[in-house]
């Protein structure tokens, strides 16, 4: 479990995150047929969307005979009481639709400077690029 510090105009907050790529690697090492499923999907070009095939990273990897794991990031609000809710972030493995919870961010800690929480979420989204 990692921590991401989110600093903005208010007091700094730390959010616990479980990086999706680490969860995927752990799942992959426990389940060796993941690579076989990916290879079978790659043989049938219609199983993955065109955005996957046209992405520069995928095109470069295909030339080098490497695999690129197709994933998606999904964020949504999740109420957990009558007065509070959280923003949940999931990484979705597009081969079989398996979801990995990355982080849960309380809406109460979002920045209130008028940015609608962007000052807070930008730190979390930057963490996804690492």
Protein backbone atom coordinates (compact mmCIF):
# COMPACT_ATOMS: atom_id res chain seq x y z
CA UNK A 1 0.00 0.00 0.00
CA UNK A 2 1.40 3.39 -0.99
CA UNK A 3 0.56 6.90 0.16
CA UNK A 4 -0.05 9.96 -1.98
CA UNK A 5 0.23 13.38 -0.36
CA UNK A 6 -2.30 15.83 -1.70
CA UNK A 7 -1.42 19.44 -1.05
CA UNK A 8 -3.51 22.44 -2.06
CA UNK A 9 -4.75 25.64 -0.48
CA UNK A 10 -6.09 23.72 2.54
CA UNK A 11 -4.24 21.48 4.97
CA UNK A 12 -2.22 18.65 3.38
CA UNK A 13 -3.95 15.27 3.20
CA UNK A 14 -2.52 11.79 2.71
CA UNK A 15 -4.52 9.16 0.86
CA UNK A 16 -3.75 5.43 0.90
CA UNK A 17 -3.53 3.97 -2.60
CA UNK A 18 -2.88 0.50 -3.95
CA UNK A 19 -1.27 1.03 -7.37
CA UNK A 20 -3.15 -0.91 -10.01
CA UNK A 21 -0.05 -2.10 -11.82
CA UNK A 22 1.21 -3.73 -8.60
CA UNK A 23 -2.12 -5.52 -8.15
CA UNK A 24 -2.03 -6.68 -11.77
CA UNK A 25 1.52 -8.04 -11.40
CA UNK A 26 0.55 -9.86 -8.20
CA UNK A 27 -2.48 -11.35 -9.96
CA UNK A 28 -0.39 -12.23 -13.02
CA UNK A 29 2.22 -14.10 -10.96
CA UNK A 30 -0.55 -16.10 -9.25
CA UNK A 31 -2.46 -16.75 -12.47
CA UNK A 32 -0.18 -17.68 -15.38
CA UNK A 33 -2.96 -17.97 -17.94
CA UNK A 34 -3.25 -14.14 -18.03
CA UNK A 35 -0.57 -13.92 -20.69
CA UNK A 36 -2.23 -16.68 -22.72
CA UNK A 37 -5.56 -14.82 -22.59
CA UNK A 38 -3.83 -11.62 -23.73
CA UNK A 39 -2.14 -13.41 -26.62
CA UNK A 40 -5.44 -14.96 -27.71
CA UNK A 41 -7.11 -11.53 -27.63
CA UNK A 42 -4.24 -10.06 -29.64
CA UNK A 43 -4.67 -12.72 -32.34
CA UNK A 44 -8.30 -11.66 -32.79
CA UNK A 45 -8.11 -7.91 -33.48
CA UNK A 46 -11.87 -7.45 -33.04
CA UNK A 47 -11.77 -8.23 -29.31
CA UNK A 48 -10.04 -4.97 -28.35
CA UNK A 49 -11.19 -1.46 -29.34
CA UNK A 50 -9.47 0.46 -32.17
CA UNK A 51 -8.12 2.98 -29.64
CA UNK A 52 -5.91 0.19 -28.27
CA UNK A 53 -4.48 -0.73 -31.66
CA UNK A 54 -3.87 2.88 -32.78
CA UNK A 55 -2.11 3.96 -29.59
CA UNK A 56 1.59 4.80 -30.25
CA UNK A 57 2.78 2.69 -27.30
CA UNK A 58 0.98 -0.40 -28.62
CA UNK A 59 2.21 0.14 -32.17
CA UNK A 60 5.80 0.51 -30.96
CA UNK A 61 5.49 -2.56 -28.76
CA UNK A 62 4.13 -4.66 -31.63
CA UNK A 63 7.19 -3.76 -33.72
CA UNK A 64 9.43 -4.86 -30.83
CA UNK A 65 7.35 -8.04 -30.22
CA UNK A 66 6.31 -6.87 -26.74
CA UNK A 67 2.92 -7.09 -25.01
CA UNK A 68 1.00 -4.06 -23.75
CA UNK A 69 -1.59 -4.85 -21.12
CA UNK A 70 -4.91 -3.16 -22.02
CA UNK A 71 -6.29 -1.38 -18.96
CA UNK A 72 -8.80 1.39 -18.28
CA UNK A 73 -9.20 3.73 -15.32
CA UNK A 74 -12.69 4.35 -13.92
CA UNK A 75 -13.61 6.99 -11.31
CA UNK A 76 -17.05 7.35 -9.76
CA UNK A 77 -18.75 8.80 -6.72
CA UNK A 78 -19.85 6.28 -4.12
CA UNK A 79 -22.16 7.30 -1.24
CA UNK A 80 -21.44 5.51 2.02
CA UNK A 81 -23.73 7.40 4.40
CA UNK A 82 -26.52 9.96 4.23
CA UNK A 83 -24.07 12.82 4.67
CA UNK A 84 -20.82 11.78 3.00
CA UNK A 85 -19.49 10.06 -0.08
CA UNK A 86 -16.19 9.08 -1.64
CA UNK A 87 -14.62 9.00 -5.06
CA UNK A 88 -13.60 5.47 -5.91
CA UNK A 89 -10.92 4.78 -8.51
CA UNK A 90 -10.62 1.40 -10.20
CA UNK A 91 -8.27 -0.04 -12.78
CA UNK A 92 -10.11 -2.36 -15.18
CA UNK A 93 -8.27 -5.19 -16.94
CA UNK A 94 -9.90 -5.12 -20.38
CA UNK A 95 -9.14 -8.76 -21.16
CA UNK A 96 -11.68 -10.16 -18.70
CA UNK A 97 -13.23 -7.10 -17.02
CA UNK A 98 -11.54 -7.72 -13.67
CA UNK A 99 -11.50 -4.60 -11.48
CA UNK A 100 -8.80 -3.52 -9.07
CA UNK A 101 -9.61 -0.86 -6.48
CA UNK A 102 -6.84 1.74 -6.56
CA UNK A 103 -7.99 4.38 -4.10
CA UNK A 104 -10.90 5.84 -2.19
CA UNK A 105 -10.89 9.61 -1.69
CA UNK A 106 -13.37 11.25 0.68
CA UNK A 107 -15.20 14.12 -0.98
CA UNK A 108 -14.86 16.12 2.22
CA UNK A 109 -11.11 16.44 1.68
CA UNK A 110 -11.47 17.83 -1.85
CA UNK A 111 -10.23 21.37 -2.38
CA UNK A 112 -12.84 24.07 -1.87
CA UNK A 113 -11.14 26.92 -3.76
CA UNK A 114 -13.75 26.82 -6.55
CA UNK A 115 -11.92 24.28 -8.70
CA UNK A 116 -14.54 21.56 -7.94
CA UNK A 117 -11.85 19.33 -6.44
CA UNK A 118 -9.39 19.51 -9.32
CA UNK A 119 -6.54 20.76 -7.09
CA UNK A 120 -6.89 17.54 -5.10
CA UNK A 121 -7.53 15.07 -7.90
CA UNK A 122 -4.62 16.26 -10.04
CA UNK A 123 -2.19 14.78 -7.48
CA UNK A 124 -3.98 11.45 -7.59
CA UNK A 125 -4.11 11.43 -11.38
CA UNK A 126 -0.38 12.27 -11.51
CA UNK A 127 0.27 9.20 -9.35
CA UNK A 128 -1.37 7.05 -12.04
CA UNK A 129 1.35 8.09 -14.49
CA UNK A 130 4.13 6.70 -12.30
